[in-house]
N, C-alpha and C. Protein backbone atom coordinates (compact mmCIF):
# COMPACT_ATOMS: atom_id res chain seq x y z
N UNK A 1 139.69 123.13 153.19
CA UNK A 1 140.90 122.69 152.50
C UNK A 1 141.56 121.60 153.33
N UNK A 2 141.94 120.54 152.67
CA UNK A 2 142.61 119.42 153.33
C UNK A 2 144.10 119.73 153.49
N UNK A 3 144.67 119.30 154.61
CA UNK A 3 146.10 119.44 154.82
C UNK A 3 146.73 118.07 154.63
N UNK A 4 147.70 118.00 153.73
CA UNK A 4 148.38 116.75 153.42
C UNK A 4 149.85 116.86 153.74
N UNK A 5 150.49 115.73 153.92
CA UNK A 5 151.93 115.73 154.12
C UNK A 5 152.55 114.63 153.26
N UNK A 6 153.83 114.75 153.02
CA UNK A 6 154.56 113.76 152.23
C UNK A 6 155.11 112.68 153.15
N UNK A 7 155.14 111.45 152.65
CA UNK A 7 155.83 110.42 153.43
C UNK A 7 157.32 110.48 153.08
N UNK A 8 158.10 109.58 153.62
CA UNK A 8 159.56 109.66 153.42
C UNK A 8 159.97 109.40 151.98
N UNK A 9 159.05 108.88 151.16
CA UNK A 9 159.34 108.63 149.75
C UNK A 9 158.83 109.76 148.86
N UNK A 10 158.25 110.82 149.45
CA UNK A 10 157.73 111.94 148.68
C UNK A 10 156.31 111.73 148.17
N UNK A 11 155.62 110.74 148.71
CA UNK A 11 154.26 110.44 148.26
C UNK A 11 153.24 111.15 149.14
N UNK A 12 152.10 111.46 148.54
CA UNK A 12 150.98 111.99 149.31
C UNK A 12 149.80 111.02 149.15
N UNK A 13 148.94 111.02 150.12
CA UNK A 13 147.73 110.20 150.03
C UNK A 13 146.55 111.14 149.89
N UNK A 14 145.76 110.93 148.85
CA UNK A 14 144.56 111.72 148.64
C UNK A 14 143.48 111.12 149.54
N UNK A 15 142.86 111.94 150.40
CA UNK A 15 141.85 111.40 151.32
C UNK A 15 140.72 110.67 150.58
N UNK A 16 140.20 109.63 151.22
CA UNK A 16 139.17 108.78 150.61
C UNK A 16 137.96 109.59 150.15
N UNK A 17 137.54 110.55 150.95
CA UNK A 17 136.37 111.37 150.62
C UNK A 17 136.58 112.08 149.27
N UNK A 18 137.78 112.59 149.04
CA UNK A 18 138.07 113.29 147.78
C UNK A 18 138.19 112.30 146.63
N UNK A 19 138.80 111.13 146.88
CA UNK A 19 138.90 110.10 145.83
C UNK A 19 137.51 109.68 145.37
N UNK A 20 136.60 109.48 146.32
CA UNK A 20 135.24 109.09 145.97
C UNK A 20 134.54 110.21 145.20
N UNK A 21 134.74 111.43 145.63
CA UNK A 21 134.12 112.58 144.97
C UNK A 21 134.57 112.68 143.52
N UNK A 22 135.84 112.36 143.25
CA UNK A 22 136.39 112.44 141.89
C UNK A 22 136.23 111.14 141.11
N UNK A 23 135.82 110.08 141.79
CA UNK A 23 135.68 108.79 141.12
C UNK A 23 137.00 108.19 140.72
N UNK A 24 138.03 108.39 141.54
CA UNK A 24 139.35 107.84 141.23
C UNK A 24 139.72 106.76 142.24
N UNK A 25 140.65 105.90 141.82
CA UNK A 25 141.13 104.85 142.71
C UNK A 25 142.62 104.65 142.48
N UNK A 26 143.18 103.58 143.03
CA UNK A 26 144.62 103.36 142.94
C UNK A 26 145.09 103.01 141.52
N UNK A 27 144.16 102.76 140.60
CA UNK A 27 144.54 102.48 139.21
C UNK A 27 144.41 103.71 138.31
N UNK A 28 143.86 104.80 138.84
CA UNK A 28 143.65 106.01 138.06
C UNK A 28 144.98 106.70 137.79
N UNK A 29 145.21 107.07 136.54
CA UNK A 29 146.39 107.84 136.18
C UNK A 29 146.07 109.32 136.36
N UNK A 30 147.05 110.07 136.88
CA UNK A 30 146.86 111.50 137.12
C UNK A 30 147.93 112.29 136.37
N UNK A 31 147.58 113.49 135.93
CA UNK A 31 148.58 114.40 135.38
C UNK A 31 148.95 115.38 136.49
N UNK A 32 150.19 115.81 136.49
CA UNK A 32 150.67 116.74 137.50
C UNK A 32 151.38 117.89 136.81
N UNK A 33 151.01 119.11 137.19
CA UNK A 33 151.74 120.26 136.67
C UNK A 33 151.87 121.30 137.77
N UNK A 34 152.87 122.16 137.61
CA UNK A 34 153.10 123.24 138.55
C UNK A 34 152.67 124.52 137.85
N UNK A 35 151.78 125.26 138.49
CA UNK A 35 151.28 126.50 137.91
C UNK A 35 151.18 127.55 139.01
N UNK A 36 151.88 128.65 138.83
CA UNK A 36 151.88 129.74 139.82
C UNK A 36 152.21 129.23 141.23
N UNK A 37 153.20 128.35 141.31
CA UNK A 37 153.63 127.84 142.61
C UNK A 37 152.69 126.82 143.23
N UNK A 38 151.74 126.32 142.44
CA UNK A 38 150.79 125.34 142.97
C UNK A 38 150.92 124.03 142.20
N UNK A 39 150.71 122.93 142.89
CA UNK A 39 150.65 121.62 142.24
C UNK A 39 149.21 121.39 141.81
N UNK A 40 149.03 121.00 140.55
CA UNK A 40 147.69 120.72 140.04
C UNK A 40 147.66 119.28 139.56
N UNK A 41 146.79 118.49 140.19
CA UNK A 41 146.59 117.09 139.81
C UNK A 41 145.26 116.98 139.10
N UNK A 42 145.26 116.27 137.97
CA UNK A 42 144.01 116.03 137.24
C UNK A 42 143.94 114.56 136.86
N UNK A 43 142.78 113.93 137.08
CA UNK A 43 142.62 112.54 136.64
C UNK A 43 142.66 112.49 135.12
N UNK A 44 143.37 111.52 134.58
CA UNK A 44 143.41 111.30 133.14
C UNK A 44 142.32 110.31 132.77
N UNK A 45 141.66 110.58 131.67
CA UNK A 45 140.64 109.64 131.19
C UNK A 45 141.36 108.45 130.58
N UNK A 46 140.89 107.24 130.89
CA UNK A 46 141.55 106.06 130.33
C UNK A 46 141.39 106.03 128.81
N UNK A 47 142.46 105.59 128.15
CA UNK A 47 142.40 105.46 126.70
C UNK A 47 141.54 104.26 126.33
N UNK A 48 140.75 104.44 125.30
CA UNK A 48 139.91 103.35 124.84
C UNK A 48 140.76 102.35 124.07
N UNK A 49 140.52 101.08 124.31
CA UNK A 49 141.21 100.04 123.57
C UNK A 49 140.40 99.76 122.31
N UNK A 50 141.03 99.95 121.16
CA UNK A 50 140.34 99.68 119.90
C UNK A 50 141.10 98.61 119.12
N UNK A 51 140.34 97.81 118.40
CA UNK A 51 140.92 96.74 117.58
C UNK A 51 139.89 96.31 116.55
N UNK A 52 140.36 95.60 115.54
CA UNK A 52 139.46 95.06 114.53
C UNK A 52 139.17 93.60 114.84
N UNK A 53 137.90 93.23 114.73
CA UNK A 53 137.50 91.85 114.92
C UNK A 53 136.59 91.47 113.76
N UNK A 54 137.04 90.56 112.92
CA UNK A 54 136.29 90.15 111.73
C UNK A 54 135.90 91.35 110.87
N UNK A 55 136.85 92.29 110.71
CA UNK A 55 136.63 93.44 109.85
C UNK A 55 135.78 94.54 110.47
N UNK A 56 135.43 94.42 111.74
CA UNK A 56 134.62 95.42 112.43
C UNK A 56 135.48 96.09 113.49
N UNK A 57 135.47 97.44 113.50
CA UNK A 57 136.21 98.17 114.52
C UNK A 57 135.45 98.07 115.85
N UNK A 58 136.15 97.60 116.86
CA UNK A 58 135.56 97.38 118.18
C UNK A 58 136.35 98.21 119.19
N UNK A 59 135.65 98.79 120.16
CA UNK A 59 136.37 99.45 121.25
C UNK A 59 135.84 98.96 122.58
N UNK A 60 136.75 98.89 123.55
CA UNK A 60 136.37 98.43 124.88
C UNK A 60 136.54 99.60 125.84
N UNK A 61 135.52 99.81 126.65
CA UNK A 61 135.55 100.85 127.67
C UNK A 61 134.60 100.46 128.78
N UNK A 62 134.78 101.08 129.92
CA UNK A 62 133.88 100.85 131.03
C UNK A 62 132.55 101.53 130.72
N UNK A 63 131.44 100.87 130.97
CA UNK A 63 130.15 101.51 130.71
C UNK A 63 129.91 102.69 131.65
N UNK A 64 129.22 103.68 131.13
CA UNK A 64 128.85 104.83 131.95
C UNK A 64 127.43 104.56 132.43
N UNK A 65 127.29 104.27 133.69
CA UNK A 65 125.98 103.96 134.23
C UNK A 65 125.69 102.47 134.14
N UNK A 66 124.46 102.14 134.45
CA UNK A 66 124.02 100.75 134.44
C UNK A 66 123.51 100.41 133.03
N UNK A 67 124.16 99.47 132.33
CA UNK A 67 123.74 99.13 130.96
C UNK A 67 122.28 98.69 130.86
N UNK A 68 121.77 97.96 131.85
CA UNK A 68 120.38 97.51 131.80
C UNK A 68 119.41 98.69 131.85
N UNK A 69 119.72 99.68 132.67
CA UNK A 69 118.88 100.87 132.77
C UNK A 69 118.92 101.65 131.46
N UNK A 70 120.10 101.77 130.87
CA UNK A 70 120.24 102.49 129.60
C UNK A 70 119.43 101.80 128.51
N UNK A 71 119.52 100.47 128.43
CA UNK A 71 118.77 99.71 127.43
C UNK A 71 117.27 99.87 127.65
N UNK A 72 116.83 99.79 128.90
CA UNK A 72 115.40 99.97 129.20
C UNK A 72 114.92 101.36 128.81
N UNK A 73 115.71 102.38 129.09
CA UNK A 73 115.34 103.75 128.73
C UNK A 73 115.24 103.92 127.21
N UNK A 74 116.21 103.36 126.48
CA UNK A 74 116.18 103.44 125.01
C UNK A 74 114.98 102.69 124.45
N UNK A 75 114.69 101.52 125.01
CA UNK A 75 113.55 100.72 124.56
C UNK A 75 112.25 101.50 124.76
N UNK A 76 112.08 102.09 125.93
CA UNK A 76 110.88 102.88 126.24
C UNK A 76 110.77 104.07 125.30
N UNK A 77 111.88 104.73 125.04
CA UNK A 77 111.88 105.88 124.13
C UNK A 77 111.44 105.47 122.72
N UNK A 78 111.95 104.35 122.23
CA UNK A 78 111.58 103.87 120.89
C UNK A 78 110.11 103.45 120.83
N UNK A 79 109.64 102.79 121.87
CA UNK A 79 108.22 102.38 121.91
C UNK A 79 107.33 103.61 121.88
N UNK A 80 107.68 104.63 122.65
CA UNK A 80 106.89 105.87 122.67
C UNK A 80 106.89 106.55 121.31
N UNK A 81 108.01 106.50 120.60
CA UNK A 81 108.08 107.09 119.25
C UNK A 81 107.14 106.33 118.30
N UNK A 82 107.14 105.00 118.40
CA UNK A 82 106.27 104.20 117.52
C UNK A 82 104.79 104.43 117.84
N UNK A 83 104.48 104.56 119.10
CA UNK A 83 103.08 104.76 119.51
C UNK A 83 102.56 106.10 119.02
N UNK A 84 103.44 107.09 118.98
CA UNK A 84 103.00 108.45 118.62
C UNK A 84 102.78 108.63 117.12
N UNK A 85 103.04 107.62 116.30
CA UNK A 85 102.85 107.74 114.84
C UNK A 85 101.43 107.77 114.53
């Protein structure tokens, strides 16, 4: 268990090791609640930006993983499906 302290403004710093483990950074929004005398912090998932462009609903989000790897995996999967016919 990590021991943390508050600075004079009431802020705490989450150790780098834990930030990396959770995949959070200084732009990550967190929720805070008190439960049974404990502070519980949870990273909030970023809201997806959605809009219409030329009549098509578009959303912007950070890719999960490497897009090139994902495309290559999908391409290989489709080729294998076609070959197995």
